[in-house]
C-alpha atoms as a PDB file:
ATOM      1  CA  VAL A   1     -55.141  -8.460 -53.081  1.00  0.00           C
ATOM      2  CA  GLN A   2     -52.047 -10.391 -54.128  1.00  0.00           C
ATOM      3  CA  LEU A   3     -48.450  -9.235 -54.244  1.00  0.00           C
ATOM      4  CA  GLN A   4     -46.236 -10.832 -56.858  1.00  0.00           C
ATOM      5  CA  ALA A   5     -42.511 -10.482 -56.338  1.00  0.00           C
ATOM      6  CA  SER A   6     -39.826 -11.273 -58.866  1.00  0.00           C
ATOM      7  CA  GLY A   7     -36.168 -10.689 -59.597  1.00  0.00           C
ATOM      8  CA  GLY A   8     -34.416 -12.882 -57.093  1.00  0.00           C
ATOM      9  CA  GLY A   9     -31.634 -15.238 -58.013  1.00  0.00           C
ATOM     10  CA  LEU A  10     -28.010 -16.185 -57.585  1.00  0.00           C
ATOM     11  CA  VAL A  11     -25.373 -13.479 -57.831  1.00  0.00           C
ATOM     12  CA  GLN A  12     -21.718 -13.179 -56.934  1.00  0.00           C
ATOM     13  CA  ALA A  13     -20.576 -10.912 -54.147  1.00  0.00           C
ATOM     14  CA  GLY A  14     -20.254  -7.383 -55.414  1.00  0.00           C
ATOM     15  CA  GLY A  15     -22.976  -7.884 -57.981  1.00  0.00           C
ATOM     16  CA  SER A  16     -26.411  -6.360 -58.383  1.00  0.00           C
ATOM     17  CA  LEU A  17     -30.020  -7.467 -58.560  1.00  0.00           C
ATOM     18  CA  ARG A  18     -33.313  -5.662 -58.984  1.00  0.00           C
ATOM     19  CA  LEU A  19     -36.439  -6.904 -57.278  1.00  0.00           C
ATOM     20  CA  SER A  20     -39.923  -5.986 -58.408  1.00  0.00           C
ATOM     21  CA  CYS A  21     -43.276  -6.412 -56.728  1.00  0.00           C
ATOM     22  CA  ALA A  22     -46.692  -5.687 -58.168  1.00  0.00           C
ATOM     23  CA  ALA A  23     -50.000  -5.663 -56.336  1.00  0.00           C
ATOM     24  CA  SER A  24     -53.115  -6.943 -58.040  1.00  0.00           C
ATOM     25  CA  ALA A  25     -55.424  -4.282 -56.619  1.00  0.00           C
ATOM     26  CA  GLY A  26     -55.808  -1.673 -53.933  1.00  0.00           C
ATOM     27  CA  ILE A  27     -54.479   1.729 -53.030  1.00  0.00           C
ATOM     28  CA  PHE A  28     -51.487   1.736 -50.755  1.00  0.00           C
ATOM     29  CA  SER A  29     -49.903   4.272 -48.463  1.00  0.00           C
ATOM     30  CA  MET A  30     -46.639   2.406 -48.088  1.00  0.00           C
ATOM     31  CA  MET A  31     -44.793  -0.403 -49.832  1.00  0.00           C
ATOM     32  CA  GLY A  32     -41.544  -2.043 -48.928  1.00  0.00           C
ATOM     33  CA  TRP A  33     -39.225  -4.982 -48.707  1.00  0.00           C
ATOM     34  CA  TYR A  34     -38.365  -7.227 -45.795  1.00  0.00           C
ATOM     35  CA  ARG A  35     -36.019 -10.178 -45.681  1.00  0.00           C
ATOM     36  CA  GLN A  36     -35.473 -13.302 -43.653  1.00  0.00           C
ATOM     37  CA  ALA A  37     -32.168 -15.104 -43.589  1.00  0.00           C
ATOM     38  CA  PRO A  38     -31.883 -18.727 -42.433  1.00  0.00           C
ATOM     39  CA  GLY A  39     -32.217 -18.943 -38.672  1.00  0.00           C
ATOM     40  CA  LYS A  40     -32.978 -15.256 -38.297  1.00  0.00           C
ATOM     41  CA  GLN A  41     -36.061 -13.147 -37.812  1.00  0.00           C
ATOM     42  CA  ARG A  42     -37.630 -11.207 -40.624  1.00  0.00           C
ATOM     43  CA  GLU A  43     -36.275  -7.671 -40.817  1.00  0.00           C
ATOM     44  CA  MET A  44     -37.168  -4.506 -42.647  1.00  0.00           C
ATOM     45  CA  VAL A  45     -34.906  -3.707 -45.580  1.00  0.00           C
ATOM     46  CA  ALA A  46     -36.491  -0.602 -47.072  1.00  0.00           C
ATOM     47  CA  THR A  47     -39.840   1.126 -47.306  1.00  0.00           C
ATOM     48  CA  VAL A  48     -41.270   3.918 -49.418  1.00  0.00           C
ATOM     49  CA  SER A  49     -44.415   5.919 -48.783  1.00  0.00           C
ATOM     50  CA  SER A  50     -46.841   7.191 -51.375  1.00  0.00           C
ATOM     51  CA  GLY A  51     -45.427  10.625 -50.617  1.00  0.00           C
ATOM     52  CA  GLY A  52     -41.933   9.482 -51.540  1.00  0.00           C
ATOM     53  CA  ASP A  53     -40.422   9.164 -48.084  1.00  0.00           C
ATOM     54  CA  THR A  54     -37.944   6.304 -47.848  1.00  0.00           C
ATOM     55  CA  ASN A  55     -36.493   4.368 -44.953  1.00  0.00           C
ATOM     56  CA  TYR A  56     -33.594   1.919 -45.022  1.00  0.00           C
ATOM     57  CA  ALA A  57     -32.026  -0.562 -42.678  1.00  0.00           C
ATOM     58  CA  ASP A  58     -28.574   0.610 -41.663  1.00  0.00           C
ATOM     59  CA  SER A  59     -27.042  -2.500 -43.191  1.00  0.00           C
ATOM     60  CA  VAL A  60     -28.197  -1.578 -46.706  1.00  0.00           C
ATOM     61  CA  LYS A  61     -27.874   2.196 -46.712  1.00  0.00           C
ATOM     62  CA  GLY A  62     -25.801   3.384 -49.633  1.00  0.00           C
ATOM     63  CA  ARG A  63     -26.107   0.051 -51.428  1.00  0.00           C
ATOM     64  CA  PHE A  64     -29.857  -0.480 -51.913  1.00  0.00           C
ATOM     65  CA  SER A  65     -32.382   1.889 -53.399  1.00  0.00           C
ATOM     66  CA  ILE A  66     -36.160   1.558 -53.175  1.00  0.00           C
ATOM     67  CA  SER A  67     -38.624   3.191 -55.508  1.00  0.00           C
ATOM     68  CA  GLY A  68     -42.343   2.942 -55.917  1.00  0.00           C
ATOM     69  CA  ASP A  69     -44.903   3.642 -58.589  1.00  0.00           C
ATOM     70  CA  PHE A  70     -48.062   3.778 -56.527  1.00  0.00           C
ATOM     71  CA  ASP A  71     -50.285   4.402 -59.558  1.00  0.00           C
ATOM     72  CA  LYS A  72     -49.042   1.078 -60.933  1.00  0.00           C
ATOM     73  CA  LYS A  73     -49.053  -0.498 -57.441  1.00  0.00           C
ATOM     74  CA  THR A  74     -45.446  -1.508 -57.943  1.00  0.00           C
ATOM     75  CA  VAL A  75     -42.342  -1.272 -55.800  1.00  0.00           C
ATOM     76  CA  TYR A  76     -38.739  -1.910 -56.786  1.00  0.00           C
ATOM     77  CA  LEU A  77     -35.567  -2.624 -54.892  1.00  0.00           C
ATOM     78  CA  GLN A  78     -32.256  -2.016 -56.620  1.00  0.00           C
ATOM     79  CA  MET A  79     -29.549  -3.902 -54.763  1.00  0.00           C
ATOM     80  CA  ASN A  80     -25.909  -3.081 -55.480  1.00  0.00           C
ATOM     81  CA  SER A  81     -22.646  -4.219 -53.927  1.00  0.00           C
ATOM     82  CA  LEU A  82     -24.308  -7.351 -52.635  1.00  0.00           C
ATOM     83  CA  ASN A  83     -22.509  -9.362 -50.005  1.00  0.00           C
ATOM     84  CA  ILE A  84     -23.018 -12.800 -48.526  1.00  0.00           C
ATOM     85  CA  GLU A  85     -24.925 -11.352 -45.572  1.00  0.00           C
ATOM     86  CA  ASP A  86     -27.629 -10.187 -47.995  1.00  0.00           C
ATOM     87  CA  THR A  87     -28.568 -13.789 -48.725  1.00  0.00           C
ATOM     88  CA  ALA A  88     -32.202 -14.207 -47.680  1.00  0.00           C
ATOM     89  CA  VAL A  89     -35.751 -14.600 -48.830  1.00  0.00           C
ATOM     90  CA  TYR A  90     -37.023 -11.141 -49.686  1.00  0.00           C
ATOM     91  CA  TYR A  91     -40.682 -10.352 -49.072  1.00  0.00           C
ATOM     92  CA  CYS A  92     -42.693  -7.565 -50.558  1.00  0.00           C
ATOM     93  CA  ASN A  93     -44.987  -5.715 -48.169  1.00  0.00           C
ATOM     94  CA  ALA A  94     -47.790  -3.245 -48.742  1.00  0.00           C
ATOM     95  CA  LEU A  95     -49.957  -1.217 -46.387  1.00  0.00           C
ATOM     96  CA  ARG A  96     -53.379  -0.411 -47.753  1.00  0.00           C
ATOM     97  CA  THR A  97     -54.982   2.954 -47.145  1.00  0.00           C
ATOM     98  CA  ILE A  98     -58.321   3.301 -45.296  1.00  0.00           C
ATOM     99  CA  THR A  99     -58.364  -0.287 -44.023  1.00  0.00           C
ATOM    100  CA  TRP A 100     -54.667  -0.164 -42.989  1.00  0.00           C
ATOM    101  CA  ARG A 101     -54.474  -3.832 -43.763  1.00  0.00           C
ATOM    102  CA  GLU A 102     -51.038  -5.254 -44.439  1.00  0.00           C
ATOM    103  CA  TYR A 103     -50.261  -7.600 -47.309  1.00  0.00           C
ATOM    104  CA  TRP A 104     -47.264  -9.830 -47.994  1.00  0.00           C
ATOM    105  CA  GLY A 105     -45.874 -11.310 -51.164  1.00  0.00           C
ATOM    106  CA  GLN A 106     -44.729 -14.883 -51.474  1.00  0.00           C
ATOM    107  CA  GLY A 107     -41.032 -14.128 -51.186  1.00  0.00           C
ATOM    108  CA  THR A 108     -38.184 -14.315 -53.639  1.00  0.00           C
ATOM    109  CA  LEU A 109     -34.836 -15.909 -52.823  1.00  0.00           C
ATOM    110  CA  VAL A 110     -31.648 -13.915 -53.173  1.00  0.00           C
ATOM    111  CA  THR A 111     -28.439 -15.903 -52.859  1.00  0.00           C
ATOM    112  CA  VAL A 112     -25.081 -14.154 -52.859  1.00  0.00           C
ATOM    113  CA  SER A 113     -22.043 -16.349 -53.415  1.00  0.00           C
ATOM    114  CA  SER A 114     -18.421 -15.593 -52.625  1.00  0.00           C
END
């Protein structure tokens, strides 16, 4: 199983970006996004379950929105009102049903400039 993330890039503060991540195979119970800023630990940004339940980090609530199409094995992250603190490598994550194995994408860089 491979996760392919896309959509990162350079954006000015206050701008928006949309990240996408598609899995090559598998059935998943949860998909989400994590990020790692320079010198910091990886942190959860947002997750969505196959039942539609979502969870957000406090720092992104009201600005980011996660959605998933589990039939297409795809998860999206709409990021609005970006600020410099959102600069990080964003990683797609997926939790497979039955085996409960966790998969990670390769990461996509989001850079927010002032």
